[in-house]
Amino acid sequence: MSTALLAQLLWHASLPEPQARARALPEPPPVEYLRLLGLGEPAVLSRLVSLWLQAFDNQPGISLPFVALDYERVVGWLRASLRLDPRNTYPLLAASHLYADVVDVGRARRMLHFVAREFTLDPARRWRWMAHAVLVARHRLHDPALALSLARQLTQADTDTGIPGWARQMQIFVLEDMGEYEAARLLIGGTLDSGAITSAQEQRFLRQRLERLRKTRESTSVEK
């Protein structure tokens, strides 16, 4: 073995172990540019973008928690995927189930606001993720004001969007959780009087709820 080769081997042996370095999530390019890359298959590219984004936290030699990502850029990529294919609801599933399930409350709220904004563009197709956003705000973030705001959007959506009654009635449950029994009672009464509920089963459920609220109100008054 030559002296030069031996010196080279010793030099490489003395180097420190290579350290895995996390790559920052890049900013999404304009949607028009992505459409060009899609070569006439925007739906396929939309799904590829979603899968690439979800896998971005698993980098060579390192695994990043979602909370370490730049959430404004995450929103940008999720929005780009939706713009490529509005029928692809996976970005909303990822936002409400994956990226909202982090310890950073601010980042979680950012995801729920994203879901709410996109819900307004296509309520008929996206109400499921909006309903889940209400549950996240109510039970995990313990933010009744945010839960109520999201639930109201479900209630106020056009009736021809096909949103089921239980989702439209989430506002009632949030109001009850907040102790706003009178507001919940008025909301149920107004809903029944409007004639918007045509299902006999839903009408019966709301009347039972109304009676329960009446008894709760009476018992609260007696205690006072």
Foldseek 3Di string as FASTA:
>chain_A
DDPVVVVVVVVVVPDDDDDDDQDADDADDDLVVLVVVCVNPLLVSLVVLLVCLVCSQDDVPGGHQLVPHDLVRLLRSLVSSCVSPVLDCVSLVCLLPPQLPDPPNVRNVVSLVSLLVSCVVQVLRRLVSLLSSLVCVVPPVVNLVVSLVSLCSLLPPDLVSPDDPVSNLVNLVSCVVVVVLVVSLVVLVVVVVVCSDPDPVVPVVSVVVNVVSVVVVVVVVVVD
